[in-house]
């Protein structure tokens, strides 16, 4: 018998692991961003932007913020470099 599981996520409810994965990883750019970050471990914003040539700066920023909110990445802001994303 399969148990019904309800996951609380970003003020909403998700009923299965697949739905959760699609919510976090969905979209055109997130898998590409995560692939680049996985290859390099830590990237500055500009390095990531140059690596993904077709993404706009606005879209890259939005996608990074969503990935950060979902706990997939974290940003380390350096005082000297305000737009540095250290992804671990």
PDB file of N, CA and C in Angstrom:
ATOM      1  N   UNK A   1       0.837  -1.183   0.000  1.00  0.00           N
ATOM      2  CA  UNK A   1       0.000   0.000   0.000  1.00  0.00           C
ATOM      3  C   UNK A   1       0.884   1.249   0.000  1.00  0.00           C
ATOM      4  N   UNK A   2       0.584   2.175  -0.843  1.00  0.00           N
ATOM      5  CA  UNK A   2       1.345   3.413  -0.941  1.00  0.00           C
ATOM      6  C   UNK A   2       0.752   4.431   0.019  1.00  0.00           C
ATOM      7  N   UNK A   3       1.628   4.992   0.851  1.00  0.00           N
ATOM      8  CA  UNK A   3       1.174   6.015   1.785  1.00  0.00           C
ATOM      9  C   UNK A   3       1.057   7.344   1.061  1.00  0.00           C
ATOM     10  N   UNK A   4       0.047   8.115   1.418  1.00  0.00           N
ATOM     11  CA  UNK A   4      -0.084   9.460   0.885  1.00  0.00           C
ATOM     12  C   UNK A   4       0.805  10.383   1.701  1.00  0.00           C
ATOM     13  N   UNK A   5       1.751  10.996   1.034  1.00  0.00           N
ATOM     14  CA  UNK A   5       2.646  11.928   1.702  1.00  0.00           C
ATOM     15  C   UNK A   5       2.352  13.325   1.182  1.00  0.00           C
ATOM     16  N   UNK A   6       2.311  14.268   2.079  1.00  0.00           N
ATOM     17  CA  UNK A   6       2.133  15.659   1.695  1.00  0.00           C
ATOM     18  C   UNK A   6       3.364  16.410   2.179  1.00  0.00           C
ATOM     19  N   UNK A   7       4.046  17.056   1.251  1.00  0.00           N
ATOM     20  CA  UNK A   7       5.220  17.849   1.572  1.00  0.00           C
ATOM     21  C   UNK A   7       4.825  19.321   1.605  1.00  0.00           C
ATOM     22  N   UNK A   8       5.233  20.000   2.636  1.00  0.00           N
ATOM     23  CA  UNK A   8       5.035  21.444   2.714  1.00  0.00           C
ATOM     24  C   UNK A   8       6.231  22.096   2.038  1.00  0.00           C
ATOM     25  N   UNK A   9       5.969  22.958   1.081  1.00  0.00           N
ATOM     26  CA  UNK A   9       7.061  23.559   0.327  1.00  0.00           C
ATOM     27  C   UNK A   9       6.655  24.940  -0.138  1.00  0.00           C
ATOM     28  N   UNK A  10       7.404  25.955   0.297  1.00  0.00           N
ATOM     29  CA  UNK A  10       7.142  27.347  -0.107  1.00  0.00           C
ATOM     30  C   UNK A  10       5.668  27.714   0.022  1.00  0.00           C
ATOM     31  N   UNK A  11       5.118  27.489   1.194  1.00  0.00           N
ATOM     32  CA  UNK A  11       3.729  27.832   1.504  1.00  0.00           C
ATOM     33  C   UNK A  11       2.724  27.078   0.645  1.00  0.00           C
ATOM     34  N   UNK A  12       3.092  25.941   0.139  1.00  0.00           N
ATOM     35  CA  UNK A  12       2.183  25.130  -0.656  1.00  0.00           C
ATOM     36  C   UNK A  12       2.327  23.673  -0.281  1.00  0.00           C
ATOM     37  N   UNK A  13       1.503  22.850  -0.872  1.00  0.00           N
ATOM     38  CA  UNK A  13       1.566  21.424  -0.602  1.00  0.00           C
ATOM     39  C   UNK A  13       1.884  20.686  -1.883  1.00  0.00           C
ATOM     40  N   UNK A  14       2.779  19.730  -1.787  1.00  0.00           N
ATOM     41  CA  UNK A  14       3.154  18.886  -2.907  1.00  0.00           C
ATOM     42  C   UNK A  14       2.936  17.453  -2.460  1.00  0.00           C
ATOM     43  N   UNK A  15       2.330  16.655  -3.322  1.00  0.00           N
ATOM     44  CA  UNK A  15       1.891  15.332  -2.883  1.00  0.00           C
ATOM     45  C   UNK A  15       2.864  14.189  -3.168  1.00  0.00           C
ATOM     46  N   UNK A  16       3.892  14.415  -3.994  1.00  0.00           N
ATOM     47  CA  UNK A  16       4.829  13.314  -4.242  1.00  0.00           C
ATOM     48  C   UNK A  16       6.215  13.870  -4.570  1.00  0.00           C
ATOM     49  N   UNK A  17       7.201  12.986  -4.487  1.00  0.00           N
ATOM     50  CA  UNK A  17       8.590  13.376  -4.712  1.00  0.00           C
ATOM     51  C   UNK A  17       8.832  13.873  -6.130  1.00  0.00           C
ATOM     52  N   UNK A  18       8.147  13.286  -7.102  1.00  0.00           N
ATOM     53  CA  UNK A  18       8.321  13.706  -8.498  1.00  0.00           C
ATOM     54  C   UNK A  18       7.832  15.140  -8.687  1.00  0.00           C
ATOM     55  N   UNK A  19       6.689  15.441  -8.100  1.00  0.00           N
ATOM     56  CA  UNK A  19       6.159  16.800  -8.187  1.00  0.00           C
ATOM     57  C   UNK A  19       7.110  17.793  -7.520  1.00  0.00           C
ATOM     58  N   UNK A  20       7.695  17.397  -6.410  1.00  0.00           N
ATOM     59  CA  UNK A  20       8.674  18.244  -5.721  1.00  0.00           C
ATOM     60  C   UNK A  20       9.900  18.482  -6.604  1.00  0.00           C
ATOM     61  N   UNK A  21      10.417  17.413  -7.211  1.00  0.00           N
ATOM     62  CA  UNK A  21      11.592  17.542  -8.090  1.00  0.00           C
ATOM     63  C   UNK A  21      11.293  18.438  -9.276  1.00  0.00           C
ATOM     64  N   UNK A  22      10.132  18.282  -9.891  1.00  0.00           N
ATOM     65  CA  UNK A  22       9.767  19.121 -11.027  1.00  0.00           C
ATOM     66  C   UNK A  22       9.602  20.580 -10.616  1.00  0.00           C
ATOM     67  N   UNK A  23       9.084  20.788  -9.419  1.00  0.00           N
ATOM     68  CA  UNK A  23       8.928  22.164  -8.935  1.00  0.00           C
ATOM     69  C   UNK A  23      10.292  22.837  -8.762  1.00  0.00           C
ATOM     70  N   UNK A  24      11.228  22.121  -8.159  1.00  0.00           N
ATOM     71  CA  UNK A  24      12.553  22.685  -7.883  1.00  0.00           C
ATOM     72  C   UNK A  24      13.390  22.782  -9.152  1.00  0.00           C
ATOM     73  N   UNK A  25      13.350  21.757  -9.994  1.00  0.00           N
ATOM     74  CA  UNK A  25      14.234  21.672 -11.159  1.00  0.00           C
ATOM     75  C   UNK A  25      13.575  22.098 -12.463  1.00  0.00           C
ATOM     76  N   UNK A  26      12.291  22.438 -12.425  1.00  0.00           N
ATOM     77  CA  UNK A  26      11.563  22.730 -13.648  1.00  0.00           C
ATOM     78  C   UNK A  26      12.059  23.982 -14.355  1.00  0.00           C
ATOM     79  N   UNK A  27      11.687  24.089 -15.596  1.00  0.00           N
ATOM     80  CA  UNK A  27      12.047  25.247 -16.387  1.00  0.00           C
ATOM     81  C   UNK A  27      13.189  24.965 -17.337  1.00  0.00           C
ATOM     82  N   UNK A  28      13.440  25.923 -18.181  1.00  0.00           N
ATOM     83  CA  UNK A  28      14.473  25.773 -19.208  1.00  0.00           C
ATOM     84  C   UNK A  28      15.872  25.932 -18.649  1.00  0.00           C
ATOM     85  N   UNK A  29      16.058  26.861 -17.725  1.00  0.00           N
ATOM     86  CA  UNK A  29      17.404  27.277 -17.340  1.00  0.00           C
ATOM     87  C   UNK A  29      17.963  26.591 -16.107  1.00  0.00           C
ATOM     88  N   UNK A  30      17.142  26.172 -15.167  1.00  0.00           N
ATOM     89  CA  UNK A  30      17.668  25.622 -13.912  1.00  0.00           C
ATOM     90  C   UNK A  30      18.565  24.404 -14.114  1.00  0.00           C
ATOM     91  N   UNK A  31      18.177  23.425 -14.937  1.00  0.00           N
ATOM     92  CA  UNK A  31      19.094  22.294 -15.136  1.00  0.00           C
ATOM     93  C   UNK A  31      20.425  22.717 -15.764  1.00  0.00           C
ATOM     94  N   UNK A  32      20.376  23.684 -16.660  1.00  0.00           N
ATOM     95  CA  UNK A  32      21.607  24.176 -17.298  1.00  0.00           C
ATOM     96  C   UNK A  32      22.480  24.896 -16.282  1.00  0.00           C
ATOM     97  N   UNK A  33      21.869  25.726 -15.460  1.00  0.00           N
ATOM     98  CA  UNK A  33      22.614  26.449 -14.416  1.00  0.00           C
ATOM     99  C   UNK A  33      23.263  25.446 -13.462  1.00  0.00           C
ATOM    100  N   UNK A  34      22.494  24.467 -12.998  1.00  0.00           N
ATOM    101  CA  UNK A  34      23.032  23.483 -12.055  1.00  0.00           C
ATOM    102  C   UNK A  34      24.140  22.653 -12.686  1.00  0.00           C
ATOM    103  N   UNK A  35      24.029  22.352 -13.975  1.00  0.00           N
ATOM    104  CA  UNK A  35      25.100  21.611 -14.646  1.00  0.00           C
ATOM    105  C   UNK A  35      26.392  22.419 -14.624  1.00  0.00           C
ATOM    106  N   UNK A  36      26.312  23.705 -14.984  1.00  0.00           N
ATOM    107  CA  UNK A  36      27.507  24.555 -14.981  1.00  0.00           C
ATOM    108  C   UNK A  36      28.100  24.653 -13.577  1.00  0.00           C
ATOM    109  N   UNK A  37      27.247  24.806 -12.585  1.00  0.00           N
ATOM    110  CA  UNK A  37      27.736  24.912 -11.217  1.00  0.00           C
ATOM    111  C   UNK A  37      28.346  23.591 -10.758  1.00  0.00           C
ATOM    112  N   UNK A  38      27.777  22.483 -11.188  1.00  0.00           N
ATOM    113  CA  UNK A  38      28.319  21.175 -10.833  1.00  0.00           C
ATOM    114  C   UNK A  38      29.688  20.924 -11.445  1.00  0.00           C
ATOM    115  N   UNK A  39      29.945  21.510 -12.591  1.00  0.00           N
ATOM    116  CA  UNK A  39      31.234  21.344 -13.254  1.00  0.00           C
ATOM    117  C   UNK A  39      32.333  22.172 -12.589  1.00  0.00           C
ATOM    118  N   UNK A  40      31.946  23.274 -11.963  1.00  0.00           N
ATOM    119  CA  UNK A  40      32.930  24.233 -11.463  1.00  0.00           C
ATOM    120  C   UNK A  40      32.919  24.435  -9.959  1.00  0.00           C
ATOM    121  N   UNK A  41      31.917  23.931  -9.271  1.00  0.00           N
ATOM    122  CA  UNK A  41      31.763  24.035  -7.812  1.00  0.00           C
ATOM    123  C   UNK A  41      31.480  25.463  -7.343  1.00  0.00           C
ATOM    124  N   UNK A  42      32.339  26.418  -7.645  1.00  0.00           N
ATOM    125  CA  UNK A  42      32.138  27.803  -7.215  1.00  0.00           C
ATOM    126  C   UNK A  42      32.329  28.704  -8.423  1.00  0.00           C
ATOM    127  N   UNK A  43      31.340  29.548  -8.682  1.00  0.00           N
ATOM    128  CA  UNK A  43      31.427  30.490  -9.795  1.00  0.00           C
ATOM    129  C   UNK A  43      30.974  31.865  -9.351  1.00  0.00           C
ATOM    130  N   UNK A  44      31.627  32.859  -9.888  1.00  0.00           N
ATOM    131  CA  UNK A  44      31.129  34.220  -9.734  1.00  0.00           C
ATOM    132  C   UNK A  44      30.015  34.420 -10.747  1.00  0.00           C
ATOM    133  N   UNK A  45      29.164  35.392 -10.487  1.00  0.00           N
ATOM    134  CA  UNK A  45      28.013  35.655 -11.348  1.00  0.00           C
ATOM    135  C   UNK A  45      28.445  35.845 -12.800  1.00  0.00           C
ATOM    136  N   UNK A  46      29.459  36.647 -13.036  1.00  0.00           N
ATOM    137  CA  UNK A  46      29.918  36.914 -14.394  1.00  0.00           C
ATOM    138  C   UNK A  46      30.453  35.679 -15.097  1.00  0.00           C
ATOM    139  N   UNK A  47      31.107  34.812 -14.348  1.00  0.00           N
ATOM    140  CA  UNK A  47      31.606  33.564 -14.928  1.00  0.00           C
ATOM    141  C   UNK A  47      30.443  32.677 -15.377  1.00  0.00           C
ATOM    142  N   UNK A  48      29.433  32.604 -14.545  1.00  0.00           N
ATOM    143  CA  UNK A  48      28.263  31.811 -14.885  1.00  0.00           C
ATOM    144  C   UNK A  48      27.543  32.431 -16.080  1.00  0.00           C
ATOM    145  N   UNK A  49      27.412  33.727 -16.084  1.00  0.00           N
ATOM    146  CA  UNK A  49      26.751  34.447 -17.186  1.00  0.00           C
ATOM    147  C   UNK A  49      27.468  34.201 -18.508  1.00  0.00           C
ATOM    148  N   UNK A  50      28.790  34.235 -18.506  1.00  0.00           N
ATOM    149  CA  UNK A  50      29.553  33.988 -19.734  1.00  0.00           C
ATOM    150  C   UNK A  50      29.437  32.533 -20.185  1.00  0.00           C
ATOM    151  N   UNK A  51      29.253  31.630 -19.241  1.00  0.00           N
ATOM    152  CA  UNK A  51      29.138  30.219 -19.583  1.00  0.00           C
ATOM    153  C   UNK A  51      27.799  29.848 -20.196  1.00  0.00           C
ATOM    154  N   UNK A  52      26.767  30.623 -19.898  1.00  0.00           N
ATOM    155  CA  UNK A  52      25.424  30.374 -20.426  1.00  0.00           C
ATOM    156  C   UNK A  52      25.066  31.570 -21.309  1.00  0.00           C
ATOM    157  N   UNK A  53      25.488  31.540 -22.526  1.00  0.00           N
ATOM    158  CA  UNK A  53      25.448  32.703 -23.396  1.00  0.00           C
ATOM    159  C   UNK A  53      24.050  33.212 -23.738  1.00  0.00           C
ATOM    160  N   UNK A  54      23.057  32.356 -23.836  1.00  0.00           N
ATOM    161  CA  UNK A  54      21.738  32.788 -24.301  1.00  0.00           C
ATOM    162  C   UNK A  54      20.808  33.284 -23.196  1.00  0.00           C
ATOM    163  N   UNK A  55      21.204  33.153 -21.940  1.00  0.00           N
ATOM    164  CA  UNK A  55      20.343  33.585 -20.841  1.00  0.00           C
ATOM    165  C   UNK A  55      20.545  35.077 -20.587  1.00  0.00           C
ATOM    166  N   UNK A  56      19.455  35.781 -20.311  1.00  0.00           N
ATOM    167  CA  UNK A  56      19.565  37.200 -20.001  1.00  0.00           C
ATOM    168  C   UNK A  56      19.999  37.369 -18.550  1.00  0.00           C
ATOM    169  N   UNK A  57      20.639  38.502 -18.242  1.00  0.00           N
ATOM    170  CA  UNK A  57      21.036  38.744 -16.843  1.00  0.00           C
ATOM    171  C   UNK A  57      19.849  38.688 -15.882  1.00  0.00           C
ATOM    172  N   UNK A  58      18.702  39.225 -16.294  1.00  0.00           N
ATOM    173  CA  UNK A  58      17.516  39.221 -15.441  1.00  0.00           C
ATOM    174  C   UNK A  58      17.065  37.784 -15.156  1.00  0.00           C
ATOM    175  N   UNK A  59      17.007  36.958 -16.189  1.00  0.00           N
ATOM    176  CA  UNK A  59      16.569  35.577 -16.019  1.00  0.00           C
ATOM    177  C   UNK A  59      17.556  34.787 -15.162  1.00  0.00           C
ATOM    178  N   UNK A  60      18.855  34.999 -15.379  1.00  0.00           N
ATOM    179  CA  UNK A  60      19.865  34.307 -14.579  1.00  0.00           C
ATOM    180  C   UNK A  60      19.706  34.663 -13.107  1.00  0.00           C
ATOM    181  N   UNK A  61      19.538  35.932 -12.824  1.00  0.00           N
ATOM    182  CA  UNK A  61      19.367  36.379 -11.438  1.00  0.00           C
ATOM    183  C   UNK A  61      18.116  35.764 -10.821  1.00  0.00           C
ATOM    184  N   UNK A  62      17.004  35.776 -11.562  1.00  0.00           N
ATOM    185  CA  UNK A  62      15.758  35.203 -11.044  1.00  0.00           C
ATOM    186  C   UNK A  62      15.904  33.710 -10.762  1.00  0.00           C
ATOM    187  N   UNK A  63      16.531  32.990 -11.690  1.00  0.00           N
ATOM    188  CA  UNK A  63      16.695  31.553 -11.520  1.00  0.00           C
ATOM    189  C   UNK A  63      17.624  31.233 -10.350  1.00  0.00           C
ATOM    190  N   UNK A  64      18.702  32.000 -10.201  1.00  0.00           N
ATOM    191  CA  UNK A  64      19.608  31.800  -9.068  1.00  0.00           C
ATOM    192  C   UNK A  64      18.899  32.063  -7.747  1.00  0.00           C
ATOM    193  N   UNK A  65      18.080  33.108  -7.708  1.00  0.00           N
ATOM    194  CA  UNK A  65      17.346  33.416  -6.480  1.00  0.00           C
ATOM    195  C   UNK A  65      16.360  32.307  -6.136  1.00  0.00           C
ATOM    196  N   UNK A  66      15.674  31.752  -7.146  1.00  0.00           N
ATOM    197  CA  UNK A  66      14.741  30.658  -6.893  1.00  0.00           C
ATOM    198  C   UNK A  66      15.479  29.404  -6.406  1.00  0.00           C
ATOM    199  N   UNK A  67      16.602  29.098  -7.017  1.00  0.00           N
ATOM    200  CA  UNK A  67      17.390  27.943  -6.584  1.00  0.00           C
ATOM    201  C   UNK A  67      17.898  28.140  -5.153  1.00  0.00           C
ATOM    202  N   UNK A  68      18.251  29.370  -4.819  1.00  0.00           N
ATOM    203  CA  UNK A  68      18.694  29.665  -3.452  1.00  0.00           C
ATOM    204  C   UNK A  68      17.535  29.506  -2.469  1.00  0.00           C
ATOM    205  N   UNK A  69      16.360  30.019  -2.825  1.00  0.00           N
ATOM    206  CA  UNK A  69      15.179  29.887  -1.966  1.00  0.00           C
ATOM    207  C   UNK A  69      14.816  28.421  -1.736  1.00  0.00           C
ATOM    208  N   UNK A  70      15.016  27.598  -2.755  1.00  0.00           N
ATOM    209  CA  UNK A  70      14.689  26.175  -2.664  1.00  0.00           C
ATOM    210  C   UNK A  70      15.779  25.355  -1.977  1.00  0.00           C
ATOM    211  N   UNK A  71      16.876  26.003  -1.598  1.00  0.00           N
ATOM    212  CA  UNK A  71      17.943  25.326  -0.886  1.00  0.00           C
ATOM    213  C   UNK A  71      18.884  24.510  -1.766  1.00  0.00           C
ATOM    214  N   UNK A  72      18.831  24.716  -3.072  1.00  0.00           N
ATOM    215  CA  UNK A  72      19.691  23.975  -3.989  1.00  0.00           C
ATOM    216  C   UNK A  72      21.097  24.572  -4.071  1.00  0.00           C
ATOM    217  N   UNK A  73      21.210  25.861  -3.874  1.00  0.00           N
ATOM    218  CA  UNK A  73      22.496  26.556  -3.906  1.00  0.00           C
ATOM    219  C   UNK A  73      22.509  27.580  -2.786  1.00  0.00           C
ATOM    220  N   UNK A  74      23.687  28.103  -2.488  1.00  0.00           N
ATOM    221  CA  UNK A  74      23.720  29.256  -1.609  1.00  0.00           C
ATOM    222  C   UNK A  74      24.728  30.260  -2.130  1.00  0.00           C
ATOM    223  N   UNK A  75      24.451  31.498  -1.779  1.00  0.00           N
ATOM    224  CA  UNK A  75      25.262  32.602  -2.261  1.00  0.00           C
ATOM    225  C   UNK A  75      26.100  33.138  -1.120  1.00  0.00           C
ATOM    226  N   UNK A  76      27.339  33.370  -1.411  1.00  0.00           N
ATOM    227  CA  UNK A  76      28.244  34.004  -0.471  1.00  0.00           C
ATOM    228  C   UNK A  76      28.574  35.373  -1.044  1.00  0.00           C
ATOM    229  N   UNK A  77      28.124  36.415  -0.376  1.00  0.00           N
ATOM    230  CA  UNK A  77      28.349  37.769  -0.859  1.00  0.00           C
ATOM    231  C   UNK A  77      29.622  38.317  -0.223  1.00  0.00           C
ATOM    232  N   UNK A  78      30.526  38.695  -1.070  1.00  0.00           N
ATOM    233  CA  UNK A  78      31.779  39.277  -0.616  1.00  0.00           C
ATOM    234  C   UNK A  78      31.623  40.798  -0.601  1.00  0.00           C
ATOM    235  N   UNK A  79      32.148  41.456   0.407  1.00  0.00           N
ATOM    236  CA  UNK A  79      32.020  42.904   0.492  1.00  0.00           C
ATOM    237  C   UNK A  79      32.646  43.585  -0.719  1.00  0.00           C
ATOM    238  N   UNK A  80      33.739  43.048  -1.173  1.00  0.00           N
ATOM    239  CA  UNK A  80      34.431  43.644  -2.305  1.00  0.00           C
ATOM    240  C   UNK A  80      33.706  43.373  -3.627  1.00  0.00           C
ATOM    241  N   UNK A  81      33.070  42.200  -3.735  1.00  0.00           N
ATOM    242  CA  UNK A  81      32.365  41.806  -4.944  1.00  0.00           C
ATOM    243  C   UNK A  81      30.899  41.576  -4.584  1.00  0.00           C
ATOM    244  N   UNK A  82      30.068  42.562  -4.786  1.00  0.00           N
ATOM    245  CA  UNK A  82      28.697  42.472  -4.322  1.00  0.00           C
ATOM    246  C   UNK A  82      27.871  41.433  -5.070  1.00  0.00           C
ATOM    247  N   UNK A  83      28.226  41.102  -6.317  1.00  0.00           N
ATOM    248  CA  UNK A  83      27.418  40.172  -7.089  1.00  0.00           C
ATOM    249  C   UNK A  83      28.117  38.830  -7.256  1.00  0.00           C
ATOM    250  N   UNK A  84      28.807  38.394  -6.252  1.00  0.00           N
ATOM    251  CA  UNK A  84      29.503  37.109  -6.339  1.00  0.00           C
ATOM    252  C   UNK A  84      28.599  36.001  -5.792  1.00  0.00           C
ATOM    253  N   UNK A  85      28.384  34.982  -6.605  1.00  0.00           N
ATOM    254  CA  UNK A  85      27.635  33.812  -6.175  1.00  0.00           C
ATOM    255  C   UNK A  85      28.623  32.687  -5.998  1.00  0.00           C
ATOM    256  N   UNK A  86      28.907  32.332  -4.790  1.00  0.00           N
ATOM    257  CA  UNK A  86      29.713  31.148  -4.534  1.00  0.00           C
ATOM    258  C   UNK A  86      28.734  30.010  -4.328  1.00  0.00           C
ATOM    259  N   UNK A  87      28.729  29.083  -5.235  1.00  0.00           N
ATOM    260  CA  UNK A  87      27.778  28.006  -5.202  1.00  0.00           C
ATOM    261  C   UNK A  87      28.467  26.763  -4.685  1.00  0.00           C
ATOM    262  N   UNK A  88      27.896  26.172  -3.654  1.00  0.00           N
ATOM    263  CA  UNK A  88      28.505  24.988  -3.041  1.00  0.00           C
ATOM    264  C   UNK A  88      27.490  23.881  -3.015  1.00  0.00           C
TER     265      UNK A  88
END
